[in-house]
Amino acid sequence: MGYKNSSGKCGYVYILTNKSKSVLYIGVSSTLDKRIIEHKYGQGSKFTIKYNCTILLYYEKYPNINEAIAREKQLKNWHRSWKLNLIKSKNPTLNNLWKNLS
């Protein structure tokens, strides 16, 4: 169950990392499960392909994609420590949340 706007497109902002958790990638999508699969199969951004970012650490759902895009821009300007604090507030053990989506 999700929030949807009149066009039926809710929005997600999400944070991925790699196996060593050395990088964080922030993205946005209207179809989170599909987008994560794309990242897993090397069809994501050049950054996620280069650093093998396939572990979903965090996501937020919004009523529409425009709100998600605004939040993505905000998070991309945050310091790494702020992002980690946000992630750990919802996912303290840094588990891969992808398993919870399916």
C-alpha atoms as a PDB file:
ATOM      1  CA  MET A   1       0.000   0.000   0.000  1.00  0.00           C
ATOM      2  CA  GLY A   2       1.447   3.318  -0.955  1.00  0.00           C
ATOM      3  CA  TYR A   3       0.666   6.938  -1.422  1.00  0.00           C
ATOM      4  CA  LYS A   4      -0.244   7.898  -4.953  1.00  0.00           C
ATOM      5  CA  ASN A   5      -1.038  11.127  -6.676  1.00  0.00           C
ATOM      6  CA  SER A   6      -3.685  11.538  -9.353  1.00  0.00           C
ATOM      7  CA  SER A   7      -1.370  10.094 -12.015  1.00  0.00           C
ATOM      8  CA  GLY A   8      -0.797   7.001  -9.872  1.00  0.00           C
ATOM      9  CA  LYS A   9       2.915   7.730  -9.466  1.00  0.00           C
ATOM     10  CA  CYS A  10       4.210   7.709  -5.937  1.00  0.00           C
ATOM     11  CA  GLY A  11       7.880   8.497  -5.475  1.00  0.00           C
ATOM     12  CA  TYR A  12      10.751   6.932  -3.595  1.00  0.00           C
ATOM     13  CA  VAL A  13      14.119   8.277  -2.594  1.00  0.00           C
ATOM     14  CA  TYR A  14      16.588   5.546  -1.696  1.00  0.00           C
ATOM     15  CA  ILE A  15      20.160   5.001  -0.557  1.00  0.00           C
ATOM     16  CA  LEU A  16      22.330   2.172  -1.850  1.00  0.00           C
ATOM     17  CA  THR A  17      25.793   1.016  -0.866  1.00  0.00           C
ATOM     18  CA  ASN A  18      28.296  -1.634  -1.884  1.00  0.00           C
ATOM     19  CA  LYS A  19      29.453  -4.759  -0.046  1.00  0.00           C
ATOM     20  CA  SER A  20      32.181  -2.912   1.874  1.00  0.00           C
ATOM     21  CA  LYS A  21      29.787  -0.009   2.598  1.00  0.00           C
ATOM     22  CA  SER A  22      32.461   2.423   1.402  1.00  0.00           C
ATOM     23  CA  VAL A  23      30.146   4.525  -0.789  1.00  0.00           C
ATOM     24  CA  LEU A  24      26.583   5.811  -0.620  1.00  0.00           C
ATOM     25  CA  TYR A  25      24.400   6.397  -3.659  1.00  0.00           C
ATOM     26  CA  ILE A  26      21.163   8.376  -3.459  1.00  0.00           C
ATOM     27  CA  GLY A  27      18.554   7.854  -6.148  1.00  0.00           C
ATOM     28  CA  VAL A  28      14.895   8.447  -6.896  1.00  0.00           C
ATOM     29  CA  SER A  29      12.287   6.319  -8.657  1.00  0.00           C
ATOM     30  CA  SER A  30       8.552   5.844  -9.025  1.00  0.00           C
ATOM     31  CA  THR A  31       9.045   2.052  -8.982  1.00  0.00           C
ATOM     32  CA  LEU A  32      11.510   1.196  -6.235  1.00  0.00           C
ATOM     33  CA  ASP A  33      11.441  -2.588  -6.589  1.00  0.00           C
ATOM     34  CA  LYS A  34      12.019  -2.415 -10.356  1.00  0.00           C
ATOM     35  CA  ARG A  35      14.791   0.165  -9.972  1.00  0.00           C
ATOM     36  CA  ILE A  36      16.656  -1.908  -7.389  1.00  0.00           C
ATOM     37  CA  ILE A  37      16.525  -4.916  -9.723  1.00  0.00           C
ATOM     38  CA  GLU A  38      18.008  -2.737 -12.466  1.00  0.00           C
ATOM     39  CA  HIS A  39      20.869  -1.760 -10.154  1.00  0.00           C
ATOM     40  CA  LYS A  40      21.441  -5.417  -9.239  1.00  0.00           C
ATOM     41  CA  TYR A  41      21.760  -6.379 -12.913  1.00  0.00           C
ATOM     42  CA  GLY A  42      24.108  -3.540 -13.853  1.00  0.00           C
ATOM     43  CA  GLN A  43      21.477  -1.334 -15.475  1.00  0.00           C
ATOM     44  CA  GLY A  44      21.715   1.470 -12.929  1.00  0.00           C
ATOM     45  CA  SER A  45      23.714   4.661 -13.086  1.00  0.00           C
ATOM     46  CA  LYS A  46      27.388   4.666 -14.066  1.00  0.00           C
ATOM     47  CA  PHE A  47      28.247   5.337 -10.415  1.00  0.00           C
ATOM     48  CA  THR A  48      26.352   2.311  -9.099  1.00  0.00           C
ATOM     49  CA  ILE A  49      27.865   0.104 -11.788  1.00  0.00           C
ATOM     50  CA  LYS A  50      31.413   1.343 -11.068  1.00  0.00           C
ATOM     51  CA  TYR A  51      31.097   0.852  -7.300  1.00  0.00           C
ATOM     52  CA  ASN A  52      28.719  -2.146  -7.417  1.00  0.00           C
ATOM     53  CA  CYS A  53      26.063  -0.438  -5.293  1.00  0.00           C
ATOM     54  CA  THR A  54      23.335  -3.053  -4.931  1.00  0.00           C
ATOM     55  CA  ILE A  55      22.539  -3.013  -1.205  1.00  0.00           C
ATOM     56  CA  LEU A  56      19.428  -1.032  -0.255  1.00  0.00           C
ATOM     57  CA  LEU A  57      20.079   0.627   3.109  1.00  0.00           C
ATOM     58  CA  TYR A  58      17.269   3.152   3.275  1.00  0.00           C
ATOM     59  CA  TYR A  59      14.213   4.463   1.455  1.00  0.00           C
ATOM     60  CA  GLU A  60      11.400   6.946   1.909  1.00  0.00           C
ATOM     61  CA  LYS A  61       8.060   6.941   0.108  1.00  0.00           C
ATOM     62  CA  TYR A  62       6.284  10.111  -1.048  1.00  0.00           C
ATOM     63  CA  PRO A  63       2.811  10.806  -2.467  1.00  0.00           C
ATOM     64  CA  ASN A  64       4.348  11.953  -5.746  1.00  0.00           C
ATOM     65  CA  ILE A  65       7.617  11.839  -7.602  1.00  0.00           C
ATOM     66  CA  ASN A  66       8.214  15.602  -7.322  1.00  0.00           C
ATOM     67  CA  GLU A  67       8.415  15.408  -3.531  1.00  0.00           C
ATOM     68  CA  ALA A  68      10.829  12.485  -3.811  1.00  0.00           C
ATOM     69  CA  ILE A  69      13.022  14.439  -6.238  1.00  0.00           C
ATOM     70  CA  ALA A  70      13.113  17.411  -3.851  1.00  0.00           C
ATOM     71  CA  ARG A  71      14.145  15.129  -0.989  1.00  0.00           C
ATOM     72  CA  GLU A  72      16.813  13.468  -3.160  1.00  0.00           C
ATOM     73  CA  LYS A  73      18.343  16.876  -3.898  1.00  0.00           C
ATOM     74  CA  GLN A  74      18.306  17.731  -0.205  1.00  0.00           C
ATOM     75  CA  LEU A  75      19.988  14.467   0.829  1.00  0.00           C
ATOM     76  CA  LYS A  76      22.659  14.768  -1.851  1.00  0.00           C
ATOM     77  CA  ASN A  77      23.790  18.002  -0.175  1.00  0.00           C
ATOM     78  CA  TRP A  78      24.151  16.374   3.237  1.00  0.00           C
ATOM     79  CA  HIS A  79      27.464  15.332   4.771  1.00  0.00           C
ATOM     80  CA  ARG A  80      28.130  11.593   4.788  1.00  0.00           C
ATOM     81  CA  SER A  81      27.820  11.465   8.589  1.00  0.00           C
ATOM     82  CA  TRP A  82      24.321  12.982   8.420  1.00  0.00           C
ATOM     83  CA  LYS A  83      23.290  10.398   5.827  1.00  0.00           C
ATOM     84  CA  LEU A  84      24.631   7.564   7.975  1.00  0.00           C
ATOM     85  CA  ASN A  85      22.757   8.883  11.007  1.00  0.00           C
ATOM     86  CA  LEU A  86      19.548   8.988   8.955  1.00  0.00           C
ATOM     87  CA  ILE A  87      20.097   5.441   7.702  1.00  0.00           C
ATOM     88  CA  LYS A  88      20.906   4.106  11.172  1.00  0.00           C
ATOM     89  CA  SER A  89      17.792   5.752  12.642  1.00  0.00           C
ATOM     90  CA  LYS A  90      15.673   3.301  10.599  1.00  0.00           C
ATOM     91  CA  ASN A  91      18.189   0.531   9.870  1.00  0.00           C
ATOM     92  CA  PRO A  92      20.710   0.406  12.751  1.00  0.00           C
ATOM     93  CA  THR A  93      22.318  -2.859  11.628  1.00  0.00           C
ATOM     94  CA  LEU A  94      22.647  -1.705   7.994  1.00  0.00           C
ATOM     95  CA  ASN A  95      20.745  -4.704   6.660  1.00  0.00           C
ATOM     96  CA  ASN A  96      19.836  -4.996   3.002  1.00  0.00           C
ATOM     97  CA  LEU A  97      16.216  -3.811   2.937  1.00  0.00           C
ATOM     98  CA  TRP A  98      15.657  -5.223  -0.550  1.00  0.00           C
ATOM     99  CA  LYS A  99      14.489  -8.475   1.059  1.00  0.00           C
ATOM    100  CA  ASN A 100      11.668  -6.565   2.771  1.00  0.00           C
ATOM    101  CA  LEU A 101      10.353  -5.180  -0.524  1.00  0.00           C
ATOM    102  CA  SER A 102       9.587  -8.486  -2.226  1.00  0.00           C
END
